[in-house]
N, C-alpha and C. Protein backbone atom coordinates (compact mmCIF):
# COMPACT_ATOMS: atom_id res chain seq x y z
N MET A 1 -23.16 -82.32 -26.17
CA MET A 1 -23.14 -82.13 -24.70
C MET A 1 -22.66 -81.45 -24.75
N THR A 2 -21.51 -81.20 -24.24
CA THR A 2 -20.90 -80.21 -24.00
C THR A 2 -21.97 -78.86 -24.30
N GLU A 3 -22.29 -78.82 -26.21
CA GLU A 3 -22.91 -77.01 -25.62
C GLU A 3 -23.87 -76.97 -24.66
N PHE A 4 -24.69 -77.93 -23.94
CA PHE A 4 -25.60 -78.28 -23.62
C PHE A 4 -25.32 -77.12 -21.78
N TYR A 5 -24.30 -78.03 -20.91
CA TYR A 5 -24.12 -77.81 -19.67
C TYR A 5 -23.19 -75.78 -19.95
N ILE A 6 -22.78 -75.37 -21.19
CA ILE A 6 -21.92 -73.87 -21.38
C ILE A 6 -23.00 -72.37 -21.68
N PRO A 7 -23.20 -72.02 -20.72
CA PRO A 7 -24.37 -71.30 -20.57
C PRO A 7 -23.89 -70.51 -21.70
N HIS A 8 -25.03 -69.60 -23.33
CA HIS A 8 -24.35 -68.71 -24.31
C HIS A 8 -24.52 -67.36 -23.99
N LYS A 9 -24.01 -66.19 -23.87
CA LYS A 9 -24.02 -64.81 -23.96
C LYS A 9 -24.56 -64.69 -25.48
N ASN A 10 -25.77 -63.52 -25.22
CA ASN A 10 -25.75 -62.83 -26.67
C ASN A 10 -24.80 -62.23 -27.09
N THR A 11 -24.67 -62.16 -28.00
CA THR A 11 -24.11 -61.78 -28.35
C THR A 11 -23.80 -60.17 -29.20
N THR A 12 -24.67 -59.62 -28.94
CA THR A 12 -26.04 -58.30 -29.09
C THR A 12 -24.85 -57.54 -28.08
N GLU A 13 -25.06 -58.09 -27.20
CA GLU A 13 -24.25 -56.91 -26.30
C GLU A 13 -23.35 -56.09 -26.23
N HIS A 14 -22.92 -54.70 -26.25
CA HIS A 14 -21.35 -54.41 -25.92
C HIS A 14 -20.94 -53.97 -24.48
N TRP A 15 -19.65 -54.12 -24.68
CA TRP A 15 -19.01 -54.18 -23.19
C TRP A 15 -19.81 -52.30 -22.45
N TYR A 16 -19.88 -51.93 -23.10
CA TYR A 16 -19.92 -50.71 -22.19
C TYR A 16 -21.76 -50.88 -21.53
N GLN A 17 -22.01 -51.96 -21.97
CA GLN A 17 -24.03 -52.23 -21.75
C GLN A 17 -23.42 -52.86 -20.79
N GLU A 18 -21.98 -53.71 -19.57
CA GLU A 18 -22.49 -54.08 -18.99
C GLU A 18 -22.13 -53.41 -17.62
N PRO A 19 -23.30 -53.30 -17.06
CA PRO A 19 -23.26 -53.26 -15.73
C PRO A 19 -21.86 -53.03 -14.69
N TRP A 20 -21.14 -54.33 -14.75
CA TRP A 20 -20.35 -54.64 -14.13
C TRP A 20 -19.15 -53.51 -14.40
N MET A 21 -19.30 -52.75 -15.62
CA MET A 21 -18.00 -52.25 -16.06
C MET A 21 -17.92 -51.31 -16.03
N LEU A 22 -19.42 -50.23 -15.74
CA LEU A 22 -19.89 -48.90 -15.69
C LEU A 22 -19.87 -48.58 -14.15
N LEU A 23 -19.15 -49.94 -12.98
CA LEU A 23 -19.00 -49.50 -11.52
C LEU A 23 -17.19 -49.65 -11.63
N VAL A 24 -16.61 -50.46 -12.78
CA VAL A 24 -15.49 -50.45 -12.25
C VAL A 24 -14.26 -49.11 -12.92
N LEU A 25 -15.36 -48.64 -14.01
CA LEU A 25 -15.22 -47.18 -14.70
C LEU A 25 -15.36 -45.74 -13.58
N GLY A 26 -17.08 -46.45 -13.84
CA GLY A 26 -17.40 -45.18 -13.14
C GLY A 26 -16.69 -44.13 -11.73
N GLY A 27 -15.64 -45.06 -10.42
CA GLY A 27 -15.44 -44.32 -9.69
C GLY A 27 -14.54 -43.89 -9.61
N PRO A 28 -13.40 -44.28 -10.59
CA PRO A 28 -12.39 -43.36 -11.21
C PRO A 28 -12.47 -42.40 -11.97
N ALA A 29 -13.85 -42.30 -13.00
CA ALA A 29 -14.49 -40.91 -13.28
C ALA A 29 -15.07 -39.96 -12.20
N ILE A 30 -15.18 -40.21 -11.80
CA ILE A 30 -16.18 -39.73 -10.34
C ILE A 30 -14.56 -38.67 -9.25
N VAL A 31 -14.02 -39.49 -9.26
CA VAL A 31 -12.70 -39.08 -8.85
C VAL A 31 -11.82 -37.99 -9.07
N VAL A 32 -12.00 -37.79 -10.76
CA VAL A 32 -11.44 -37.30 -11.69
C VAL A 32 -11.96 -36.12 -11.54
N ILE A 33 -13.33 -35.71 -11.48
CA ILE A 33 -14.32 -34.71 -12.12
C ILE A 33 -13.98 -34.02 -10.18
N ALA A 34 -14.06 -34.68 -10.03
CA ALA A 34 -13.89 -34.27 -7.99
C ALA A 34 -12.72 -33.18 -8.42
N ALA A 35 -11.29 -34.36 -8.58
CA ALA A 35 -10.07 -33.41 -8.44
C ALA A 35 -10.30 -31.89 -9.05
N LEU A 36 -10.62 -31.78 -10.59
CA LEU A 36 -10.54 -31.27 -11.79
C LEU A 36 -11.74 -29.57 -10.34
N PHE A 37 -13.34 -29.94 -10.01
CA PHE A 37 -13.94 -29.48 -9.12
C PHE A 37 -12.63 -28.67 -7.89
N THR A 38 -12.62 -29.73 -6.83
CA THR A 38 -11.89 -29.07 -6.63
C THR A 38 -10.03 -28.03 -7.12
N PHE A 39 -9.50 -28.50 -7.94
CA PHE A 39 -9.27 -27.58 -7.70
C PHE A 39 -8.74 -26.31 -8.86
N TYR A 40 -10.30 -26.07 -9.04
CA TYR A 40 -11.62 -25.19 -9.43
C TYR A 40 -11.29 -24.17 -7.99
N ILE A 41 -12.14 -24.55 -7.25
CA ILE A 41 -11.84 -23.89 -6.19
C ILE A 41 -10.73 -23.40 -5.71
N ALA A 42 -9.77 -23.95 -5.31
CA ALA A 42 -8.58 -23.62 -5.40
C ALA A 42 -7.67 -22.42 -5.66
N TRP A 43 -7.65 -22.96 -6.75
CA TRP A 43 -7.21 -21.05 -8.22
C TRP A 43 -8.25 -20.34 -8.16
N GLN A 44 -9.57 -20.45 -7.60
CA GLN A 44 -10.29 -18.73 -7.79
C GLN A 44 -9.95 -18.28 -6.20
N GLY A 45 -9.97 -19.02 -4.87
CA GLY A 45 -10.06 -18.70 -3.78
C GLY A 45 -8.75 -18.33 -2.75
N SER A 46 -7.46 -18.37 -4.06
CA SER A 46 -6.66 -19.03 -4.60
C SER A 46 -5.40 -17.78 -2.83
N ASP A 47 -5.14 -17.65 -1.89
CA ASP A 47 -4.33 -16.25 -1.20
C ASP A 47 -3.10 -16.09 -2.30
N ASN A 48 -2.60 -14.14 -2.24
CA ASN A 48 -0.78 -14.82 -2.62
C ASN A 48 -0.30 -14.07 -0.93
N VAL A 49 0.66 -15.28 -1.52
CA VAL A 49 1.70 -15.94 0.38
C VAL A 49 2.26 -14.65 0.20
N LEU A 50 2.91 -14.42 -1.48
CA LEU A 50 4.22 -12.67 -0.99
C LEU A 50 2.96 -11.36 -1.66
N THR A 51 3.78 -10.43 -1.47
CA THR A 51 3.29 -8.69 -1.48
C THR A 51 3.95 -8.69 -2.80
N LYS A 52 3.28 -7.49 -3.49
CA LYS A 52 4.33 -7.16 -4.62
C LYS A 52 5.07 -6.88 -3.96
N ASP A 53 5.47 -5.94 -3.60
CA ASP A 53 6.55 -5.81 -3.05
C ASP A 53 7.29 -6.09 -1.58
N TYR A 54 7.61 -7.36 -1.35
CA TYR A 54 7.55 -8.25 -0.66
C TYR A 54 9.86 -7.92 -0.50
N TYR A 55 10.04 -7.21 -1.43
CA TYR A 55 11.56 -7.30 -1.40
C TYR A 55 11.56 -5.54 -0.16
N LYS A 56 10.84 -5.34 -0.65
CA LYS A 56 11.11 -3.45 -0.26
C LYS A 56 10.55 -3.92 0.76
N GLN A 57 10.03 -4.09 1.67
CA GLN A 57 9.17 -4.14 3.44
C GLN A 57 9.99 -4.90 3.72
N GLY A 58 11.07 -6.60 2.76
CA GLY A 58 12.03 -7.14 3.36
C GLY A 58 13.29 -6.20 4.12
N VAL A 59 13.27 -5.71 3.43
CA VAL A 59 14.80 -4.62 3.43
C VAL A 59 14.36 -2.79 4.35
N ASN A 60 13.24 -2.61 4.54
CA ASN A 60 12.30 -1.73 5.26
C ASN A 60 12.64 -2.74 6.63
N ILE A 61 12.42 -3.79 7.22
CA ILE A 61 12.56 -4.52 8.77
C ILE A 61 13.09 -4.01 9.23
N ASP A 62 14.70 -3.49 8.76
CA ASP A 62 15.31 -3.39 9.56
C ASP A 62 15.39 -2.02 10.36
N LYS A 63 15.24 -0.93 9.16
CA LYS A 63 15.07 0.26 9.12
C LYS A 63 13.71 1.01 10.07
N ASP A 64 12.33 -0.35 10.33
CA ASP A 64 11.97 -0.53 11.42
C ASP A 64 12.11 -0.35 12.35
N ILE A 65 12.59 -1.14 12.34
CA ILE A 65 13.69 -1.76 14.59
C ILE A 65 13.81 -0.47 14.44
N HIS A 66 14.63 0.21 14.24
CA HIS A 66 15.49 1.28 15.24
C HIS A 66 14.89 2.20 14.92
N ARG A 67 13.77 2.86 14.42
CA ARG A 67 12.99 3.50 14.69
C ARG A 67 12.30 3.52 15.67
N ASP A 68 11.98 1.98 16.15
CA ASP A 68 11.63 1.14 16.95
C ASP A 68 12.16 1.57 18.37
N ALA A 69 13.36 2.21 18.63
CA ALA A 69 14.60 1.84 18.92
C ALA A 69 14.57 3.32 19.14
N LYS A 70 14.34 3.69 18.63
CA LYS A 70 14.28 5.41 18.57
C LYS A 70 13.80 5.86 20.06
N ALA A 71 12.53 5.82 18.72
CA ALA A 71 11.37 5.25 20.29
C ALA A 71 11.40 5.78 21.56
N GLY A 72 11.85 4.36 21.85
CA GLY A 72 12.09 3.71 23.49
C GLY A 72 13.52 4.66 23.92
N GLU A 73 14.00 5.11 23.02
CA GLU A 73 15.16 5.97 23.26
C GLU A 73 15.14 7.70 24.17
N TYR A 74 14.31 7.74 23.44
CA TYR A 74 13.22 9.36 23.42
C TYR A 74 11.59 9.54 24.56
N LYS A 75 11.81 8.20 25.50
CA LYS A 75 10.75 7.78 25.72
C LYS A 75 9.35 8.51 25.30
N ILE A 76 9.39 8.10 24.29
CA ILE A 76 8.14 8.74 23.63
C ILE A 76 6.78 7.93 24.34
N GLU A 77 5.74 9.77 24.09
CA GLU A 77 4.49 8.03 24.97
C GLU A 77 3.28 8.75 23.46
N ALA A 78 1.93 8.49 23.72
CA ALA A 78 0.95 9.59 23.09
C ALA A 78 0.21 8.89 23.99
N ASN A 79 -1.12 9.74 23.54
CA ASN A 79 -2.11 9.57 23.83
C ASN A 79 -3.17 10.01 22.41
N ALA A 80 -4.27 9.31 22.12
CA ALA A 80 -4.96 9.64 20.89
C ALA A 80 -6.46 9.27 21.33
N LYS A 81 -7.60 10.48 21.15
CA LYS A 81 -8.33 10.47 20.74
C LYS A 81 -9.08 10.73 19.31
N ILE A 82 -10.75 10.19 19.69
CA ILE A 82 -11.10 10.62 18.00
C ILE A 82 -12.57 11.99 18.25
N ASP A 83 -12.89 12.85 18.01
CA ASP A 83 -13.90 13.68 18.09
C ASP A 83 -14.32 12.76 16.71
N SER A 84 -15.73 12.38 16.94
CA SER A 84 -16.68 11.61 15.70
C SER A 84 -17.22 12.57 15.09
N PRO A 85 -18.20 13.42 16.29
CA PRO A 85 -18.78 13.61 15.12
C PRO A 85 -18.37 14.60 14.12
N ALA A 86 -17.42 15.75 14.84
CA ALA A 86 -16.03 16.27 14.10
C ALA A 86 -15.09 16.07 12.94
N GLY A 87 -15.04 14.62 13.53
CA GLY A 87 -14.15 13.92 11.61
C GLY A 87 -13.06 14.61 12.65
N ASN A 88 -12.66 14.79 13.90
CA ASN A 88 -10.73 15.36 13.76
C ASN A 88 -10.45 14.35 15.13
N ILE A 89 -9.08 14.59 15.28
CA ILE A 89 -8.16 13.43 15.63
C ILE A 89 -6.99 14.12 16.89
N GLN A 90 -6.55 13.58 17.55
CA GLN A 90 -6.29 14.70 18.68
C GLN A 90 -5.02 13.70 19.32
N ILE A 91 -3.80 14.16 18.77
CA ILE A 91 -3.16 12.96 19.40
C ILE A 91 -1.75 14.16 20.84
N GLN A 92 -1.94 13.77 21.63
CA GLN A 92 -0.68 14.54 22.16
C GLN A 92 0.11 13.38 22.83
N LEU A 93 1.61 14.19 22.17
CA LEU A 93 2.92 13.31 23.07
C LEU A 93 3.45 14.06 22.70
N LYS A 94 4.72 12.90 24.28
CA LYS A 94 5.55 13.91 24.64
C LYS A 94 6.54 12.61 25.19
N GLY A 95 8.04 13.49 25.41
CA GLY A 95 9.14 12.26 25.05
C GLY A 95 9.96 12.92 24.32
N LYS A 96 11.48 13.08 25.42
CA LYS A 96 13.07 13.44 25.31
C LYS A 96 13.48 14.16 24.18
N THR A 97 12.65 14.40 23.22
CA THR A 97 13.23 15.31 22.29
C THR A 97 12.37 16.19 21.41
N ILE A 98 13.03 16.74 20.84
CA ILE A 98 12.41 17.92 19.98
C ILE A 98 11.48 17.14 19.68
N LEU A 99 10.04 17.59 19.32
CA LEU A 99 8.76 16.20 18.67
C LEU A 99 8.44 17.74 16.79
N PRO A 100 8.72 17.34 16.17
CA PRO A 100 8.52 18.13 14.78
C PRO A 100 7.50 18.70 14.75
N ALA A 101 6.81 19.81 13.98
CA ALA A 101 5.81 20.31 13.56
C ALA A 101 4.45 19.53 13.04
N THR A 102 4.90 18.73 13.09
CA THR A 102 4.05 17.67 11.55
C THR A 102 4.48 16.20 11.99
N ILE A 103 3.34 15.16 12.53
CA ILE A 103 3.48 13.81 12.39
C ILE A 103 2.21 13.53 11.06
N LEU A 104 3.27 11.99 11.51
CA LEU A 104 2.07 11.19 10.33
C LEU A 104 1.53 9.98 10.61
N LEU A 105 0.16 9.92 10.59
CA LEU A 105 -0.87 8.92 10.78
C LEU A 105 -1.27 8.10 10.26
N VAL A 106 -0.83 6.74 10.46
CA VAL A 106 -1.25 5.56 9.17
C VAL A 106 -2.66 4.64 10.45
N ALA A 107 -3.69 4.85 9.79
CA ALA A 107 -4.27 4.27 10.55
C ALA A 107 -5.22 2.91 9.46
N SER A 108 -5.10 2.23 9.87
CA SER A 108 -5.61 0.90 8.95
C SER A 108 -6.59 -0.07 9.18
N SER A 109 -7.21 -0.12 9.19
CA SER A 109 -8.85 -1.21 9.59
C SER A 109 -9.14 -2.47 8.51
N TYR A 110 -9.52 -3.27 9.16
CA TYR A 110 -9.95 -4.79 8.68
C TYR A 110 -10.42 -5.39 9.28
N ALA A 111 -11.52 -5.67 8.24
CA ALA A 111 -13.15 -6.66 8.16
C ALA A 111 -12.94 -7.88 8.03
N ARG A 112 -13.00 -8.64 9.49
CA ARG A 112 -12.67 -10.40 8.91
C ARG A 112 -13.83 -10.44 8.52
N GLY A 113 -13.20 -11.59 7.50
CA GLY A 113 -14.56 -12.55 6.70
C GLY A 113 -14.84 -12.04 5.13
N SER A 114 -13.49 -10.72 5.12
CA SER A 114 -14.75 -10.36 3.45
C SER A 114 -13.24 -9.62 3.35
N GLU A 115 -12.48 -8.88 1.85
CA GLU A 115 -12.31 -8.40 1.52
C GLU A 115 -11.56 -7.20 2.25
N PHE A 116 -12.36 -6.09 3.09
CA PHE A 116 -12.05 -4.38 3.05
C PHE A 116 -11.46 -4.69 4.02
N GLU A 117 -10.17 -3.52 3.42
CA GLU A 117 -9.36 -3.39 3.54
C GLU A 117 -8.84 -1.38 3.64
N ALA A 118 -9.23 -0.66 4.79
CA ALA A 118 -9.02 0.62 4.90
C ALA A 118 -7.81 0.98 5.47
N ILE A 119 -6.59 2.08 4.43
CA ILE A 119 -6.02 2.51 4.81
C ILE A 119 -5.69 3.82 4.45
N GLN A 120 -5.72 5.00 5.55
CA GLN A 120 -5.78 6.32 5.78
C GLN A 120 -4.34 7.04 6.35
N LYS A 121 -4.04 8.00 5.28
CA LYS A 121 -2.48 7.72 6.37
C LYS A 121 -2.78 9.78 6.05
N ILE A 122 -2.99 10.55 7.14
CA ILE A 122 -3.27 11.74 7.83
C ILE A 122 -1.56 12.07 7.56
N THR A 123 -1.32 13.49 7.83
CA THR A 123 -0.72 14.37 8.54
C THR A 123 -1.61 15.59 9.88
N LEU A 124 -0.48 15.13 10.65
CA LEU A 124 -1.09 15.08 11.68
C LEU A 124 -0.05 17.43 11.87
N THR A 125 -0.41 18.25 12.11
CA THR A 125 0.29 19.29 12.20
C THR A 125 -0.66 19.88 13.94
N GLN A 126 0.89 20.29 14.56
CA GLN A 126 0.42 20.81 16.26
C GLN A 126 0.02 22.48 16.16
N SER A 127 -0.84 21.78 16.90
CA SER A 127 -1.72 22.60 17.11
C SER A 127 -1.20 23.52 18.81
N LYS A 128 -1.05 23.21 19.25
CA LYS A 128 0.14 23.48 19.78
C LYS A 128 1.22 23.19 21.19
N SER A 129 2.15 23.33 22.11
CA SER A 129 2.91 21.94 22.49
C SER A 129 2.50 20.20 22.51
N GLY A 130 2.68 20.05 21.73
CA GLY A 130 2.90 18.20 22.03
C GLY A 130 1.40 17.99 21.56
N LEU A 131 0.68 19.16 21.17
CA LEU A 131 -1.10 18.42 20.81
C LEU A 131 -0.92 18.59 19.64
N TYR A 132 -1.28 17.84 18.69
CA TYR A 132 -1.20 17.10 16.97
C TYR A 132 -2.83 16.98 16.93
N GLU A 133 -3.81 17.61 15.51
CA GLU A 133 -5.01 17.05 15.77
C GLU A 133 -4.81 17.36 13.85
N GLY A 134 -6.02 16.66 13.35
CA GLY A 134 -5.97 16.88 12.39
C GLY A 134 -7.69 15.73 11.63
N LEU A 135 -7.50 15.88 10.08
CA LEU A 135 -9.31 14.99 10.12
C LEU A 135 -8.95 13.77 9.59
N ILE A 136 -10.38 13.60 10.02
CA ILE A 136 -10.05 11.91 10.06
C ILE A 136 -11.20 11.53 9.49
N LYS A 137 -10.85 10.92 8.37
CA LYS A 137 -12.22 10.19 7.49
C LYS A 137 -12.19 8.63 7.99
N LEU A 138 -14.55 8.59 8.32
CA LEU A 138 -14.60 8.48 9.39
C LEU A 138 -15.84 7.66 8.39
N THR A 139 -15.89 6.15 8.22
CA THR A 139 -16.16 5.34 7.50
C THR A 139 -17.62 5.62 7.45
N ALA A 140 -19.21 5.01 7.00
CA ALA A 140 -20.58 4.92 6.83
C ALA A 140 -21.17 4.19 7.92
N PRO A 141 -21.71 4.84 9.25
CA PRO A 141 -22.36 4.40 9.72
C PRO A 141 -22.54 2.55 9.97
N SER A 142 -23.37 2.42 8.82
CA SER A 142 -23.61 1.43 8.23
C SER A 142 -22.23 0.37 8.47
N ASP A 143 -21.07 0.41 8.11
CA ASP A 143 -20.05 0.50 8.19
C ASP A 143 -18.97 0.71 9.20
N SER A 144 -19.79 0.13 10.87
CA SER A 144 -19.11 0.65 11.64
C SER A 144 -18.58 -0.89 12.26
N ILE A 145 -18.66 -2.12 11.44
CA ILE A 145 -18.55 -3.32 12.14
C ILE A 145 -17.46 -2.87 11.95
N ASN A 146 -16.55 -2.33 10.56
CA ASN A 146 -15.15 -2.63 10.22
C ASN A 146 -14.55 -0.63 11.72
N LEU A 147 -14.87 -0.56 12.08
CA LEU A 147 -14.21 0.70 13.15
C LEU A 147 -14.03 -0.18 14.27
N ASN A 148 -14.15 -1.52 14.34
CA ASN A 148 -13.38 -1.76 15.90
C ASN A 148 -12.01 -2.54 16.08
N LEU A 149 -11.46 -2.10 15.26
CA LEU A 149 -9.99 -2.79 15.48
C LEU A 149 -9.08 -1.84 14.72
N TRP A 150 -8.20 -0.84 14.39
CA TRP A 150 -7.50 -0.43 13.78
C TRP A 150 -6.27 -0.77 14.05
N HIS A 151 -5.38 -0.62 13.09
CA HIS A 151 -3.85 -0.91 13.19
C HIS A 151 -3.20 0.60 12.91
N ILE A 152 -2.16 1.17 14.08
CA ILE A 152 -2.25 2.73 14.39
C ILE A 152 -0.86 2.46 14.51
N LYS A 153 -0.32 4.08 12.91
CA LYS A 153 0.66 3.58 13.11
C LYS A 153 1.79 5.53 14.13
N ILE A 154 1.84 5.92 14.66
CA ILE A 154 2.53 7.34 14.21
C ILE A 154 3.84 7.72 13.95
N GLU A 155 4.58 8.15 13.27
CA GLU A 155 5.66 8.19 12.86
C GLU A 155 6.20 10.25 13.08
N GLY A 156 7.57 10.39 13.21
CA GLY A 156 8.09 11.06 13.39
C GLY A 156 9.43 11.08 12.08
N ASP A 157 10.05 11.74 12.84
CA ASP A 157 11.72 11.75 11.45
C ASP A 157 12.29 10.55 11.33
N ASN A 158 12.45 10.20 12.76
CA ASN A 158 13.23 8.71 12.97
C ASN A 158 13.00 8.36 13.73
N TRP A 159 11.74 8.11 14.23
CA TRP A 159 11.30 7.12 15.57
C TRP A 159 9.25 6.48 14.89
N ARG A 160 9.14 6.06 15.60
CA ARG A 160 7.97 5.61 15.52
C ARG A 160 6.77 4.58 16.45
N LEU A 161 5.53 5.08 16.35
CA LEU A 161 4.87 3.81 17.59
C LEU A 161 3.83 3.45 16.48
N THR A 162 4.00 1.74 17.05
CA THR A 162 2.47 1.75 16.88
C THR A 162 2.02 0.63 17.90
N ALA A 163 0.78 0.59 17.65
CA ALA A 163 -0.59 -0.40 18.71
C ALA A 163 -1.58 -0.77 17.59
N GLU A 164 -2.35 -1.39 18.28
CA GLU A 164 -3.82 -2.14 18.50
C GLU A 164 -4.42 -0.65 19.01
N TRP A 165 -5.70 -0.34 18.02
CA TRP A 165 -7.12 0.24 18.61
C TRP A 165 -8.20 -0.28 18.30
N HIS A 166 -8.32 -0.64 20.21
CA HIS A 166 -9.82 -1.78 20.06
C HIS A 166 -10.46 -0.37 19.99
N ASP A 167 -12.01 -0.58 19.05
CA ASP A 167 -13.23 0.45 19.16
C ASP A 167 -12.51 1.72 20.03
N PRO A 168 -11.63 1.39 18.38
CA PRO A 168 -11.65 3.79 18.59
C PRO A 168 -12.12 5.02 18.89
N LEU A 169 -13.87 4.80 17.87
CA LEU A 169 -14.82 5.53 18.76
C LEU A 169 -15.26 6.17 19.51
N HIS A 170 -14.71 5.01 20.26
CA HIS A 170 -15.03 5.26 22.14
C HIS A 170 -14.25 5.01 23.15
N THR A 171 -13.10 5.09 22.70
CA THR A 171 -12.04 4.77 24.23
C THR A 171 -10.64 5.40 23.41
N THR A 172 -9.95 5.88 24.05
CA THR A 172 -8.82 6.65 24.35
C THR A 172 -7.50 5.68 24.12
N LEU A 173 -6.34 6.42 23.15
CA LEU A 173 -5.33 5.06 23.37
C LEU A 173 -4.11 5.00 23.69
N GLN A 174 -3.88 4.60 24.27
CA GLN A 174 -1.97 5.21 25.19
C GLN A 174 -0.95 4.28 24.26
N LEU A 175 -0.32 4.83 23.75
CA LEU A 175 1.44 4.58 23.19
C LEU A 175 2.48 4.93 23.86
N LYS A 176 3.02 3.50 23.89
CA LYS A 176 3.97 3.16 24.95
C LYS A 176 5.48 3.12 24.07
N ALA A 177 5.95 3.78 23.93
CA ALA A 177 7.33 3.01 22.70
C ALA A 177 7.83 1.91 23.87
N SER A 178 8.06 1.08 23.55
CA SER A 178 8.62 -0.17 23.46
C SER A 178 10.23 -0.36 23.67
N ASN A 179 10.86 -0.81 24.87
CA ASN A 179 12.18 -0.58 25.39
C ASN A 179 12.71 -0.95 25.02
């Protein structure tokens, strides 16, 4: 009589065919797959925290601060403009020091949202007293979006000027040394 009230299960069903078992194991399995996928995305898109020459850059920070201070001590000022059809750049320098015959111009441009980075080092020669000229390589007109912001560094023997130049093809840049 006790057998009448106890329901019997079919013994041919396996544990993995039970619907509750899929619910119990399915959730953690989905979480593990999602974690592996997230790890893959993070690994492929990771940014480098340190540059390859991080130690060298750290050592040069003190030197760069002194070079900026020297530009302020010499009261160096510069005006820069680009003649885009000819690809020339002209920089007029003034200061209370003897200006060198050549200066180095470093222009770097970064595109937001992409991996584009262009760095140009241009040696400018003195054509007149305080007027320096040189050829600058401009990117193609299709890449003109990359020319909207340049980071400029003008370097002499023991001084430097730095600035950001917005829309360099259509504006002139005025740099003054910070004191």
